Amino acid sequence: MLYAILCYNDEDLVWNWSKEEEDATIARLGAVQEELADRGKLGPVARLLPTTAATTLRKTGKENFITDGPFAETKEQFLGFYVVDCENLEEAIAISRDLAAANPGTGSYEIRPLAIYHPPRNFK
């Protein structure tokens, strides 16, 4: 079954890491990703720019309108995701634990089974 592992953290903290902190974290996460890829478990991975770069289309039922940013009133923001192919939830939890161990500080990983997945076709 395919699972999405959604990564949440304080974007002000993450986007203000020193170059050394950033490089070390990316290297640790890269090691986890490489191991998953070698096992054929890793699908798409994405890291999002901060919410200050976001644009939101909101629906009111009668009309749509565009706003800057998500304007979420939360301490943690959605920073990126992994798509992984797991035998069961326990395996998805184990992968999330590996990702958490590679990523310093606080944050959370939301694990959700995918209902529909359309792999990219000629996407660039």
PDB file of N, CA and C in Angstrom:
ATOM      1  N   MET A   1       0.846  -1.176   0.000  1.00  0.00           N
ATOM      2  CA  MET A   1       0.000   0.000   0.000  1.00  0.00           C
ATOM      3  C   MET A   1       0.887   1.232   0.000  1.00  0.00           C
ATOM      4  N   LEU A   2       0.444   2.251  -0.710  1.00  0.00           N
ATOM      5  CA  LEU A   2       1.172   3.514  -0.726  1.00  0.00           C
ATOM      6  C   LEU A   2       0.716   4.403   0.422  1.00  0.00           C
ATOM      7  N   TYR A   3       1.687   5.026   1.062  1.00  0.00           N
ATOM      8  CA  TYR A   3       1.428   5.957   2.151  1.00  0.00           C
ATOM      9  C   TYR A   3       2.094   7.296   1.831  1.00  0.00           C
ATOM     10  N   ALA A   4       1.450   8.363   2.240  1.00  0.00           N
ATOM     11  CA  ALA A   4       2.071   9.679   2.231  1.00  0.00           C
ATOM     12  C   ALA A   4       2.556   9.948   3.647  1.00  0.00           C
ATOM     13  N   ILE A   5       3.783  10.367   3.758  1.00  0.00           N
ATOM     14  CA  ILE A   5       4.325  10.798   5.041  1.00  0.00           C
ATOM     15  C   ILE A   5       4.503  12.307   4.928  1.00  0.00           C
ATOM     16  N   LEU A   6       3.645  13.035   5.630  1.00  0.00           N
ATOM     17  CA  LEU A   6       3.615  14.494   5.563  1.00  0.00           C
ATOM     18  C   LEU A   6       4.482  15.062   6.685  1.00  0.00           C
ATOM     19  N   CYS A   7       5.379  15.955   6.335  1.00  0.00           N
ATOM     20  CA  CYS A   7       6.362  16.492   7.280  1.00  0.00           C
ATOM     21  C   CYS A   7       5.936  17.874   7.761  1.00  0.00           C
ATOM     22  N   TYR A   8       5.872  18.037   9.076  1.00  0.00           N
ATOM     23  CA  TYR A   8       5.498  19.312   9.683  1.00  0.00           C
ATOM     24  C   TYR A   8       6.601  19.765  10.631  1.00  0.00           C
ATOM     25  N   ASN A   9       6.852  21.064  10.639  1.00  0.00           N
ATOM     26  CA  ASN A   9       7.817  21.627  11.572  1.00  0.00           C
ATOM     27  C   ASN A   9       7.625  23.134  11.591  1.00  0.00           C
ATOM     28  N   ASP A  10       8.342  23.803  12.454  1.00  0.00           N
ATOM     29  CA  ASP A  10       8.324  25.261  12.529  1.00  0.00           C
ATOM     30  C   ASP A  10       9.188  25.785  11.393  1.00  0.00           C
ATOM     31  N   GLU A  11       8.562  26.331  10.349  1.00  0.00           N
ATOM     32  CA  GLU A  11       9.327  26.747   9.175  1.00  0.00           C
ATOM     33  C   GLU A  11      10.300  27.875   9.482  1.00  0.00           C
ATOM     34  N   ASP A  12       9.999  28.728  10.443  1.00  0.00           N
ATOM     35  CA  ASP A  12      10.949  29.787  10.809  1.00  0.00           C
ATOM     36  C   ASP A  12      12.247  29.178  11.329  1.00  0.00           C
ATOM     37  N   LEU A  13      12.126  28.114  12.094  1.00  0.00           N
ATOM     38  CA  LEU A  13      13.303  27.422  12.611  1.00  0.00           C
ATOM     39  C   LEU A  13      14.060  26.742  11.468  1.00  0.00           C
ATOM     40  N   VAL A  14      13.358  25.964  10.663  1.00  0.00           N
ATOM     41  CA  VAL A  14      13.996  25.176   9.603  1.00  0.00           C
ATOM     42  C   VAL A  14      14.658  26.065   8.560  1.00  0.00           C
ATOM     43  N   TRP A  15      13.973  27.114   8.126  1.00  0.00           N
ATOM     44  CA  TRP A  15      14.527  27.972   7.072  1.00  0.00           C
ATOM     45  C   TRP A  15      15.610  28.913   7.587  1.00  0.00           C
ATOM     46  N   ASN A  16      15.880  28.882   8.881  1.00  0.00           N
ATOM     47  CA  ASN A  16      16.957  29.694   9.443  1.00  0.00           C
ATOM     48  C   ASN A  16      18.123  28.849   9.944  1.00  0.00           C
ATOM     49  N   TRP A  17      18.149  27.563   9.570  1.00  0.00           N
ATOM     50  CA  TRP A  17      19.306  26.740   9.903  1.00  0.00           C
ATOM     51  C   TRP A  17      20.543  27.325   9.243  1.00  0.00           C
ATOM     52  N   SER A  18      21.672  27.135   9.880  1.00  0.00           N
ATOM     53  CA  SER A  18      22.941  27.508   9.248  1.00  0.00           C
ATOM     54  C   SER A  18      23.183  26.573   8.061  1.00  0.00           C
ATOM     55  N   LYS A  19      24.093  26.936   7.189  1.00  0.00           N
ATOM     56  CA  LYS A  19      24.424  26.079   6.052  1.00  0.00           C
ATOM     57  C   LYS A  19      24.892  24.717   6.538  1.00  0.00           C
ATOM     58  N   GLU A  20      25.662  24.700   7.627  1.00  0.00           N
ATOM     59  CA  GLU A  20      26.157  23.439   8.179  1.00  0.00           C
ATOM     60  C   GLU A  20      25.004  22.563   8.686  1.00  0.00           C
ATOM     61  N   GLU A  21      24.048  23.182   9.420  1.00  0.00           N
ATOM     62  CA  GLU A  21      22.891  22.428   9.909  1.00  0.00           C
ATOM     63  C   GLU A  21      22.066  21.883   8.746  1.00  0.00           C
ATOM     64  N   GLU A  22      21.835  22.725   7.750  1.00  0.00           N
ATOM     65  CA  GLU A  22      21.066  22.327   6.563  1.00  0.00           C
ATOM     66  C   GLU A  22      21.754  21.165   5.847  1.00  0.00           C
ATOM     67  N   ASP A  23      23.047  21.305   5.566  1.00  0.00           N
ATOM     68  CA  ASP A  23      23.784  20.269   4.847  1.00  0.00           C
ATOM     69  C   ASP A  23      23.792  18.952   5.618  1.00  0.00           C
ATOM     70  N   ALA A  24      23.988  19.019   6.927  1.00  0.00           N
ATOM     71  CA  ALA A  24      24.021  17.801   7.739  1.00  0.00           C
ATOM     72  C   ALA A  24      22.657  17.115   7.752  1.00  0.00           C
ATOM     73  N   THR A  25      21.585  17.893   7.870  1.00  0.00           N
ATOM     74  CA  THR A  25      20.238  17.316   7.887  1.00  0.00           C
ATOM     75  C   THR A  25      19.906  16.690   6.537  1.00  0.00           C
ATOM     76  N   ILE A  26      20.206  17.402   5.455  1.00  0.00           N
ATOM     77  CA  ILE A  26      19.930  16.871   4.119  1.00  0.00           C
ATOM     78  C   ILE A  26      20.734  15.594   3.873  1.00  0.00           C
ATOM     79  N   ALA A  27      21.962  15.535   4.360  1.00  0.00           N
ATOM     80  CA  ALA A  27      22.783  14.323   4.207  1.00  0.00           C
ATOM     81  C   ALA A  27      22.163  13.150   4.969  1.00  0.00           C
ATOM     82  N   ARG A  28      21.701  13.393   6.204  1.00  0.00           N
ATOM     83  CA  ARG A  28      21.082  12.315   6.988  1.00  0.00           C
ATOM     84  C   ARG A  28      19.789  11.843   6.325  1.00  0.00           C
ATOM     85  N   LEU A  29      18.961  12.802   5.877  1.00  0.00           N
ATOM     86  CA  LEU A  29      17.719  12.429   5.192  1.00  0.00           C
ATOM     87  C   LEU A  29      18.029  11.714   3.886  1.00  0.00           C
ATOM     88  N   GLY A  30      19.065  12.160   3.192  1.00  0.00           N
ATOM     89  CA  GLY A  30      19.473  11.507   1.949  1.00  0.00           C
ATOM     90  C   GLY A  30      19.854  10.059   2.164  1.00  0.00           C
ATOM     91  N   ALA A  31      20.498   9.751   3.271  1.00  0.00           N
ATOM     92  CA  ALA A  31      20.866   8.367   3.580  1.00  0.00           C
ATOM     93  C   ALA A  31      19.611   7.509   3.776  1.00  0.00           C
ATOM     94  N   VAL A  32      18.605   8.049   4.466  1.00  0.00           N
ATOM     95  CA  VAL A  32      17.339   7.316   4.648  1.00  0.00           C
ATOM     96  C   VAL A  32      16.664   7.125   3.292  1.00  0.00           C
ATOM     97  N   GLN A  33      16.635   8.172   2.479  1.00  0.00           N
ATOM     98  CA  GLN A  33      15.997   8.091   1.159  1.00  0.00           C
ATOM     99  C   GLN A  33      16.712   7.077   0.263  1.00  0.00           C
ATOM    100  N   GLU A  34      18.039   7.079   0.291  1.00  0.00           N
ATOM    101  CA  GLU A  34      18.811   6.143  -0.534  1.00  0.00           C
ATOM    102  C   GLU A  34      18.496   4.699  -0.159  1.00  0.00           C
ATOM    103  N   GLU A  35      18.422   4.432   1.132  1.00  0.00           N
ATOM    104  CA  GLU A  35      18.113   3.076   1.596  1.00  0.00           C
ATOM    105  C   GLU A  35      16.709   2.666   1.138  1.00  0.00           C
ATOM    106  N   LEU A  36      15.744   3.585   1.236  1.00  0.00           N
ATOM    107  CA  LEU A  36      14.379   3.295   0.787  1.00  0.00           C
ATOM    108  C   LEU A  36      14.339   3.072  -0.722  1.00  0.00           C
ATOM    109  N   ALA A  37      15.070   3.885  -1.472  1.00  0.00           N
ATOM    110  CA  ALA A  37      15.117   3.735  -2.932  1.00  0.00           C
ATOM    111  C   ALA A  37      15.732   2.394  -3.310  1.00  0.00           C
ATOM    112  N   ASP A  38      16.797   1.992  -2.625  1.00  0.00           N
ATOM    113  CA  ASP A  38      17.437   0.703  -2.899  1.00  0.00           C
ATOM    114  C   ASP A  38      16.482  -0.463  -2.676  1.00  0.00           C
ATOM    115  N   ARG A  39      15.556  -0.305  -1.736  1.00  0.00           N
ATOM    116  CA  ARG A  39      14.566  -1.350  -1.443  1.00  0.00           C
ATOM    117  C   ARG A  39      13.322  -1.223  -2.323  1.00  0.00           C
ATOM    118  N   GLY A  40      13.279  -0.226  -3.186  1.00  0.00           N
ATOM    119  CA  GLY A  40      12.121  -0.023  -4.054  1.00  0.00           C
ATOM    120  C   GLY A  40      10.907   0.516  -3.316  1.00  0.00           C
ATOM    121  N   LYS A  41      11.124   1.199  -2.209  1.00  0.00           N
ATOM    122  CA  LYS A  41      10.036   1.698  -1.361  1.00  0.00           C
ATOM    123  C   LYS A  41       9.746   3.181  -1.551  1.00  0.00           C
ATOM    124  N   LEU A  42      10.662   3.927  -2.189  1.00  0.00           N
ATOM    125  CA  LEU A  42      10.555   5.383  -2.232  1.00  0.00           C
ATOM    126  C   LEU A  42       9.902   5.864  -3.513  1.00  0.00           C
ATOM    127  N   GLY A  43       8.870   6.675  -3.347  1.00  0.00           N
ATOM    128  CA  GLY A  43       8.223   7.350  -4.465  1.00  0.00           C
ATOM    129  C   GLY A  43       8.648   8.809  -4.460  1.00  0.00           C
ATOM    130  N   PRO A  44       7.771   9.696  -4.916  1.00  0.00           N
ATOM    131  CA  PRO A  44       8.109  11.121  -4.963  1.00  0.00           C
ATOM    132  C   PRO A  44       8.395  11.693  -3.572  1.00  0.00           C
ATOM    133  N   VAL A  45       9.332  12.632  -3.550  1.00  0.00           N
ATOM    134  CA  VAL A  45       9.698  13.366  -2.338  1.00  0.00           C
ATOM    135  C   VAL A  45       9.699  14.843  -2.708  1.00  0.00           C
ATOM    136  N   ALA A  46       9.151  15.682  -1.856  1.00  0.00           N
ATOM    137  CA  ALA A  46       9.150  17.112  -2.138  1.00  0.00           C
ATOM    138  C   ALA A  46       9.367  17.897  -0.850  1.00  0.00           C
ATOM    139  N   ARG A  47      10.164  18.957  -0.965  1.00  0.00           N
ATOM    140  CA  ARG A  47      10.313  19.926   0.124  1.00  0.00           C
ATOM    141  C   ARG A  47       9.700  21.224  -0.393  1.00  0.00           C
ATOM    142  N   LEU A  48       8.807  21.783   0.379  1.00  0.00           N
ATOM    143  CA  LEU A  48       8.096  22.986  -0.024  1.00  0.00           C
ATOM    144  C   LEU A  48       8.835  24.237   0.432  1.00  0.00           C
ATOM    145  N   LEU A  49       8.702  25.302  -0.343  1.00  0.00           N
ATOM    146  CA  LEU A  49       9.199  26.600   0.101  1.00  0.00           C
ATOM    147  C   LEU A  49       8.316  27.085   1.254  1.00  0.00           C
ATOM    148  N   PRO A  50       8.742  28.097   1.999  1.00  0.00           N
ATOM    149  CA  PRO A  50       7.957  28.570   3.146  1.00  0.00           C
ATOM    150  C   PRO A  50       6.548  29.032   2.742  1.00  0.00           C
ATOM    151  N   THR A  51       5.671  29.099   3.722  1.00  0.00           N
ATOM    152  CA  THR A  51       4.292  29.525   3.476  1.00  0.00           C
ATOM    153  C   THR A  51       4.232  30.953   2.938  1.00  0.00           C
ATOM    154  N   THR A  52       5.272  31.734   3.152  1.00  0.00           N
ATOM    155  CA  THR A  52       5.293  33.091   2.601  1.00  0.00           C
ATOM    156  C   THR A  52       5.324  33.072   1.071  1.00  0.00           C
ATOM    157  N   ALA A  53       5.694  31.944   0.476  1.00  0.00           N
ATOM    158  CA  ALA A  53       5.717  31.804  -0.986  1.00  0.00           C
ATOM    159  C   ALA A  53       4.417  31.186  -1.507  1.00  0.00           C
ATOM    160  N   ALA A  54       3.502  30.849  -0.616  1.00  0.00           N
ATOM    161  CA  ALA A  54       2.274  30.146  -1.002  1.00  0.00           C
ATOM    162  C   ALA A  54       1.205  31.099  -1.526  1.00  0.00           C
ATOM    163  N   THR A  55       0.355  30.558  -2.365  1.00  0.00           N
ATOM    164  CA  THR A  55      -0.854  31.214  -2.838  1.00  0.00           C
ATOM    165  C   THR A  55      -1.980  30.222  -2.635  1.00  0.00           C
ATOM    166  N   THR A  56      -3.123  30.691  -2.177  1.00  0.00           N
ATOM    167  CA  THR A  56      -4.247  29.808  -1.899  1.00  0.00           C
ATOM    168  C   THR A  56      -5.466  30.227  -2.699  1.00  0.00           C
ATOM    169  N   LEU A  57      -6.125  29.273  -3.331  1.00  0.00           N
ATOM    170  CA  LEU A  57      -7.418  29.498  -3.957  1.00  0.00           C
ATOM    171  C   LEU A  57      -8.462  29.006  -2.966  1.00  0.00           C
ATOM    172  N   ARG A  58      -9.296  29.890  -2.486  1.00  0.00           N
ATOM    173  CA  ARG A  58     -10.345  29.534  -1.522  1.00  0.00           C
ATOM    174  C   ARG A  58     -11.685  29.482  -2.225  1.00  0.00           C
ATOM    175  N   LYS A  59     -12.482  28.509  -1.820  1.00  0.00           N
ATOM    176  CA  LYS A  59     -13.822  28.352  -2.375  1.00  0.00           C
ATOM    177  C   LYS A  59     -14.839  28.736  -1.316  1.00  0.00           C
ATOM    178  N   THR A  60     -15.821  29.546  -1.704  1.00  0.00           N
ATOM    179  CA  THR A  60     -16.857  29.949  -0.759  1.00  0.00           C
ATOM    180  C   THR A  60     -18.189  29.262  -1.060  1.00  0.00           C
ATOM    181  N   GLY A  61     -18.224  28.464  -2.104  1.00  0.00           N
ATOM    182  CA  GLY A  61     -19.464  27.826  -2.528  1.00  0.00           C
ATOM    183  C   GLY A  61     -20.050  28.508  -3.746  1.00  0.00           C
ATOM    184  N   LYS A  62     -19.876  29.814  -3.840  1.00  0.00           N
ATOM    185  CA  LYS A  62     -20.400  30.559  -4.985  1.00  0.00           C
ATOM    186  C   LYS A  62     -19.290  31.125  -5.844  1.00  0.00           C
ATOM    187  N   GLU A  63     -18.163  31.435  -5.219  1.00  0.00           N
ATOM    188  CA  GLU A  63     -17.074  32.026  -5.972  1.00  0.00           C
ATOM    189  C   GLU A  63     -15.746  31.555  -5.398  1.00  0.00           C
ATOM    190  N   ASN A  64     -14.707  31.715  -6.188  1.00  0.00           N
ATOM    191  CA  ASN A  64     -13.356  31.405  -5.755  1.00  0.00           C
ATOM    192  C   ASN A  64     -12.586  32.706  -5.633  1.00  0.00           C
ATOM    193  N   PHE A  65     -11.640  32.743  -4.706  1.00  0.00           N
ATOM    194  CA  PHE A  65     -10.767  33.909  -4.634  1.00  0.00           C
ATOM    195  C   PHE A  65      -9.375  33.466  -4.223  1.00  0.00           C
ATOM    196  N   ILE A  66      -8.394  34.272  -4.628  1.00  0.00           N
ATOM    197  CA  ILE A  66      -6.982  33.973  -4.417  1.00  0.00           C
ATOM    198  C   ILE A  66      -6.446  34.852  -3.293  1.00  0.00           C
ATOM    199  N   THR A  67      -5.663  34.229  -2.385  1.00  0.00           N
ATOM    200  CA  THR A  67      -5.002  34.977  -1.319  1.00  0.00           C
ATOM    201  C   THR A  67      -3.527  34.591  -1.287  1.00  0.00           C
ATOM    202  N   ASP A  68      -2.721  35.450  -0.718  1.00  0.00           N
ATOM    203  CA  ASP A  68      -1.318  35.119  -0.485  1.00  0.00           C
ATOM    204  C   ASP A  68      -1.232  34.249   0.750  1.00  0.00           C
ATOM    205  N   GLY A  69      -0.456  33.202   0.662  1.00  0.00           N
ATOM    206  CA  GLY A  69      -0.184  32.356   1.817  1.00  0.00           C
ATOM    207  C   GLY A  69      -1.375  31.556   2.287  1.00  0.00           C
ATOM    208  N   PRO A  70      -1.107  30.578   3.153  1.00  0.00           N
ATOM    209  CA  PRO A  70      -2.183  29.763   3.711  1.00  0.00           C
ATOM    210  C   PRO A  70      -2.813  30.390   4.953  1.00  0.00           C
ATOM    211  N   PHE A  71      -2.115  31.317   5.598  1.00  0.00           N
ATOM    212  CA  PHE A  71      -2.576  31.971   6.822  1.00  0.00           C
ATOM    213  C   PHE A  71      -3.011  30.971   7.890  1.00  0.00           C
ATOM    214  N   ALA A  72      -2.226  29.945   8.053  1.00  0.00           N
ATOM    215  CA  ALA A  72      -2.519  28.940   9.073  1.00  0.00           C
ATOM    216  C   ALA A  72      -2.109  29.472  10.446  1.00  0.00           C
ATOM    217  N   GLU A  73      -2.965  29.305  11.402  1.00  0.00           N
ATOM    218  CA  GLU A  73      -2.678  29.718  12.777  1.00  0.00           C
ATOM    219  C   GLU A  73      -2.151  28.514  13.546  1.00  0.00           C
ATOM    220  N   THR A  74      -0.988  28.026  13.148  1.00  0.00           N
ATOM    221  CA  THR A  74      -0.411  26.848  13.777  1.00  0.00           C
ATOM    222  C   THR A  74       1.048  27.104  14.103  1.00  0.00           C
ATOM    223  N   LYS A  75       1.581  26.305  15.005  1.00  0.00           N
ATOM    224  CA  LYS A  75       2.989  26.397  15.348  1.00  0.00           C
ATOM    225  C   LYS A  75       3.846  25.635  14.352  1.00  0.00           C
ATOM    226  N   GLU A  76       3.264  24.639  13.696  1.00  0.00           N
ATOM    227  CA  GLU A  76       3.982  23.841  12.709  1.00  0.00           C
ATOM    228  C   GLU A  76       3.336  24.025  11.349  1.00  0.00           C
ATOM    229  N   GLN A  77       4.175  24.050  10.314  1.00  0.00           N
ATOM    230  CA  GLN A  77       3.679  24.187   8.956  1.00  0.00           C
ATOM    231  C   GLN A  77       4.024  22.925   8.166  1.00  0.00           C
ATOM    232  N   PHE A  78       3.253  22.687   7.111  1.00  0.00           N
ATOM    233  CA  PHE A  78       3.488  21.567   6.204  1.00  0.00           C
ATOM    234  C   PHE A  78       4.695  21.915   5.349  1.00  0.00           C
ATOM    235  N   LEU A  79       5.787  21.160   5.499  1.00  0.00           N
ATOM    236  CA  LEU A  79       7.038  21.502   4.833  1.00  0.00           C
ATOM    237  C   LEU A  79       7.377  20.601   3.655  1.00  0.00           C
ATOM    238  N   GLY A  80       6.780  19.435   3.573  1.00  0.00           N
ATOM    239  CA  GLY A  80       7.095  18.527   2.476  1.00  0.00           C
ATOM    240  C   GLY A  80       6.479  17.172   2.702  1.00  0.00           C
ATOM    241  N   PHE A  81       6.776  16.250   1.776  1.00  0.00           N
ATOM    242  CA  PHE A  81       6.180  14.922   1.893  1.00  0.00           C
ATOM    243  C   PHE A  81       7.030  13.865   1.207  1.00  0.00           C
ATOM    244  N   TYR A  82       6.761  12.637   1.578  1.00  0.00           N
ATOM    245  CA  TYR A  82       7.324  11.441   0.958  1.00  0.00           C
ATOM    246  C   TYR A  82       6.150  10.565   0.546  1.00  0.00           C
ATOM    247  N   VAL A  83       6.298   9.839  -0.541  1.00  0.00           N
ATOM    248  CA  VAL A  83       5.363   8.774  -0.875  1.00  0.00           C
ATOM    249  C   VAL A  83       6.167   7.484  -0.784  1.00  0.00           C
ATOM    250  N   VAL A  84       5.691   6.555   0.026  1.00  0.00           N
ATOM    251  CA  VAL A  84       6.411   5.299   0.246  1.00  0.00           C
ATOM    252  C   VAL A  84       5.481   4.117   0.026  1.00  0.00           C
ATOM    253  N   ASP A  85       6.045   3.032  -0.442  1.00  0.00           N
ATOM    254  CA  ASP A  85       5.313   1.792  -0.688  1.00  0.00           C
ATOM    255  C   ASP A  85       5.604   0.845   0.464  1.00  0.00           C
ATOM    256  N   CYS A  86       4.603   0.576   1.288  1.00  0.00           N
ATOM    257  CA  CYS A  86       4.793  -0.212   2.503  1.00  0.00           C
ATOM    258  C   CYS A  86       3.847  -1.404   2.531  1.00  0.00           C
ATOM    259  N   GLU A  87       4.285  -2.448   3.198  1.00  0.00           N
ATOM    260  CA  GLU A  87       3.437  -3.626   3.369  1.00  0.00           C
ATOM    261  C   GLU A  87       2.252  -3.326   4.282  1.00  0.00           C
ATOM    262  N   ASN A  88       2.481  -2.435   5.265  1.00  0.00           N
ATOM    263  CA  ASN A  88       1.439  -2.146   6.245  1.00  0.00           C
ATOM    264  C   ASN A  88       1.776  -0.853   6.983  1.00  0.00           C
ATOM    265  N   LEU A  89       0.890  -0.440   7.860  1.00  0.00           N
ATOM    266  CA  LEU A  89       1.082   0.787   8.624  1.00  0.00           C
ATOM    267  C   LEU A  89       2.329   0.710   9.495  1.00  0.00           C
ATOM    268  N   GLU A  90       2.613  -0.450  10.052  1.00  0.00           N
ATOM    269  CA  GLU A  90       3.782  -0.579  10.915  1.00  0.00           C
ATOM    270  C   GLU A  90       5.069  -0.241  10.162  1.00  0.00           C
ATOM    271  N   GLU A  91       5.156  -0.658   8.890  1.00  0.00           N
ATOM    272  CA  GLU A  91       6.333  -0.330   8.100  1.00  0.00           C
ATOM    273  C   GLU A  91       6.398   1.179   7.824  1.00  0.00           C
ATOM    274  N   ALA A  92       5.255   1.802   7.558  1.00  0.00           N
ATOM    275  CA  ALA A  92       5.213   3.251   7.338  1.00  0.00           C
ATOM    276  C   ALA A  92       5.637   3.998   8.609  1.00  0.00           C
ATOM    277  N   ILE A  93       5.229   3.504   9.752  1.00  0.00           N
ATOM    278  CA  ILE A  93       5.636   4.107  11.029  1.00  0.00           C
ATOM    279  C   ILE A  93       7.145   3.961  11.219  1.00  0.00           C
ATOM    280  N   ALA A  94       7.690   2.802  10.890  1.00  0.00           N
ATOM    281  CA  ALA A  94       9.138   2.582  11.025  1.00  0.00           C
ATOM    282  C   ALA A  94       9.914   3.546  10.129  1.00  0.00           C
ATOM    283  N   ILE A  95       9.445   3.747   8.903  1.00  0.00           N
ATOM    284  CA  ILE A  95      10.102   4.686   7.996  1.00  0.00           C
ATOM    285  C   ILE A  95      10.016   6.105   8.562  1.00  0.00           C
ATOM    286  N   SER A  96       8.856   6.465   9.103  1.00  0.00           N
ATOM    287  CA  SER A  96       8.693   7.790   9.709  1.00  0.00           C
ATOM    288  C   SER A  96       9.644   7.978  10.882  1.00  0.00           C
ATOM    289  N   ARG A  97       9.862   6.931  11.639  1.00  0.00           N
ATOM    290  CA  ARG A  97      10.816   7.012  12.759  1.00  0.00           C
ATOM    291  C   ARG A  97      12.236   7.243  12.249  1.00  0.00           C
ATOM    292  N   ASP A  98      12.597   6.584  11.138  1.00  0.00           N
ATOM    293  CA  ASP A  98      13.926   6.808  10.549  1.00  0.00           C
ATOM    294  C   ASP A  98      14.071   8.249  10.082  1.00  0.00           C
ATOM    295  N   LEU A  99      13.031   8.782   9.448  1.00  0.00           N
ATOM    296  CA  LEU A  99      13.062  10.176   9.004  1.00  0.00           C
ATOM    297  C   LEU A  99      13.174  11.120  10.198  1.00  0.00           C
ATOM    298  N   ALA A 100      12.426  10.844  11.246  1.00  0.00           N
ATOM    299  CA  ALA A 100      12.457  11.686  12.447  1.00  0.00           C
ATOM    300  C   ALA A 100      13.839  11.661  13.098  1.00  0.00           C
ATOM    301  N   ALA A 101      14.475  10.502  13.111  1.00  0.00           N
ATOM    302  CA  ALA A 101      15.806  10.389  13.702  1.00  0.00           C
ATOM    303  C   ALA A 101      16.835  11.182  12.888  1.00  0.00           C
ATOM    304  N   ALA A 102      16.623  11.282  11.581  1.00  0.00           N
ATOM    305  CA  ALA A 102      17.552  12.001  10.717  1.00  0.00           C
ATOM    306  C   ALA A 102      17.349  13.508  10.762  1.00  0.00           C
ATOM    307  N   ASN A 103      16.212  13.948  11.274  1.00  0.00           N
ATOM    308  CA  ASN A 103      15.838  15.353  11.270  1.00  0.00           C
ATOM    309  C   ASN A 103      15.896  15.889  12.705  1.00  0.00           C
ATOM    310  N   PRO A 104      16.735  16.899  12.987  1.00  0.00           N
ATOM    311  CA  PRO A 104      16.908  17.355  14.365  1.00  0.00           C
ATOM    312  C   PRO A 104      15.704  18.131  14.894  1.00  0.00           C
ATOM    313  N   GLY A 105      15.642  18.249  16.189  1.00  0.00           N
ATOM    314  CA  GLY A 105      14.648  19.114  16.822  1.00  0.00           C
ATOM    315  C   GLY A 105      13.263  18.513  16.894  1.00  0.00           C
ATOM    316  N   THR A 106      12.275  19.390  16.833  1.00  0.00           N
ATOM    317  CA  THR A 106      10.887  18.993  16.997  1.00  0.00           C
ATOM    318  C   THR A 106      10.232  18.804  15.636  1.00  0.00           C
ATOM    319  N   GLY A 107       8.932  18.655  15.630  1.00  0.00           N
ATOM    320  CA  GLY A 107       8.169  18.480  14.400  1.00  0.00           C
ATOM    321  C   GLY A 107       7.322  17.236  14.491  1.00  0.00           C
ATOM    322  N   SER A 108       6.658  16.919  13.381  1.00  0.00           N
ATOM    323  CA  SER A 108       5.822  15.722  13.373  1.00  0.00           C
ATOM    324  C   SER A 108       5.718  15.177  11.956  1.00  0.00           C
ATOM    325  N   TYR A 109       5.346  13.914  11.878  1.00  0.00           N
ATOM    326  CA  TYR A 109       5.145  13.224  10.607  1.00  0.00           C
ATOM    327  C   TYR A 109       3.757  12.610  10.626  1.00  0.00           C
ATOM    328  N   GLU A 110       2.917  13.055   9.725  1.00  0.00           N
ATOM    329  CA  GLU A 110       1.568  12.512   9.595  1.00  0.00           C
ATOM    330  C   GLU A 110       1.614  11.420   8.533  1.00  0.00           C
ATOM    331  N   ILE A 111       1.099  10.256   8.864  1.00  0.00           N
ATOM    332  CA  ILE A 111       1.139   9.098   7.979  1.00  0.00           C
ATOM    333  C   ILE A 111      -0.276   8.812   7.501  1.00  0.00           C
ATOM    334  N   ARG A 112      -0.466   8.877   6.166  1.00  0.00           N
ATOM    335  CA  ARG A 112      -1.811   8.668   5.622  1.00  0.00           C
ATOM    336  C   ARG A 112      -1.758   7.753   4.414  1.00  0.00           C
ATOM    337  N   PRO A 113      -2.600   6.726   4.401  1.00  0.00           N
ATOM    338  CA  PRO A 113      -2.680   5.873   3.211  1.00  0.00           C
ATOM    339  C   PRO A 113      -3.231   6.681   2.035  1.00  0.00           C
ATOM    340  N   LEU A 114      -2.717   6.392   0.849  1.00  0.00           N
ATOM    341  CA  LEU A 114      -3.201   7.075  -0.352  1.00  0.00           C
ATOM    342  C   LEU A 114      -4.416   6.333  -0.906  1.00  0.00           C
ATOM    343  N   ALA A 115      -5.454   7.067  -1.232  1.00  0.00           N
ATOM    344  CA  ALA A 115      -6.647   6.479  -1.835  1.00  0.00           C
ATOM    345  C   ALA A 115      -6.479   6.370  -3.346  1.00  0.00           C
ATOM    346  N   ILE A 116      -5.852   7.378  -3.938  1.00  0.00           N
ATOM    347  CA  ILE A 116      -5.630   7.420  -5.386  1.00  0.00           C
ATOM    348  C   ILE A 116      -4.226   7.929  -5.615  1.00  0.00           C
ATOM    349  N   TYR A 117      -3.520   7.321  -6.548  1.00  0.00           N
ATOM    350  CA  TYR A 117      -2.174   7.780  -6.902  1.00  0.00           C
ATOM    351  C   TYR A 117      -2.019   7.683  -8.407  1.00  0.00           C
ATOM    352  N   HIS A 118      -1.714   8.790  -9.025  1.00  0.00           N
ATOM    353  CA  HIS A 118      -1.442   8.823 -10.460  1.00  0.00           C
ATOM    354  C   HIS A 118       0.013   9.201 -10.645  1.00  0.00           C
ATOM    355  N   PRO A 119       0.868   8.239 -11.010  1.00  0.00           N
ATOM    356  CA  PRO A 119       2.265   8.586 -11.217  1.00  0.00           C
ATOM    357  C   PRO A 119       2.398   9.601 -12.353  1.00  0.00           C
ATOM    358  N   PRO A 120       3.410  10.446 -12.282  1.00  0.00           N
ATOM    359  CA  PRO A 120       3.568  11.458 -13.330  1.00  0.00           C
ATOM    360  C   PRO A 120       3.826  10.803 -14.688  1.00  0.00           C
ATOM    361  N   ARG A 121       3.242  11.383 -15.711  1.00  0.00           N
ATOM    362  CA  ARG A 121       3.452  10.896 -17.067  1.00  0.00           C
ATOM    363  C   ARG A 121       4.053  12.051 -17.873  1.00  0.00           C
ATOM    364  N   ASN A 122       5.298  11.870 -18.242  1.00  0.00           N
ATOM    365  CA  ASN A 122       6.017  12.900 -19.004  1.00  0.00           C
ATOM    366  C   ASN A 122       6.044  14.246 -18.276  1.00  0.00           C
ATOM    367  N   PHE A 123       6.122  14.211 -16.956  1.00  0.00           N
ATOM    368  CA  PHE A 123       6.189  15.428 -16.146  1.00  0.00           C
ATOM    369  C   PHE A 123       7.620  15.934 -16.113  1.00  0.00           C
ATOM    370  N   LYS A 124       7.785  17.204 -16.274  1.00  0.00           N
ATOM    371  CA  LYS A 124       9.144  17.784 -16.212  1.00  0.00           C
ATOM    372  C   LYS A 124       9.204  18.851 -15.170  1.00  0.00           C
TER     373      LYS A 124
END
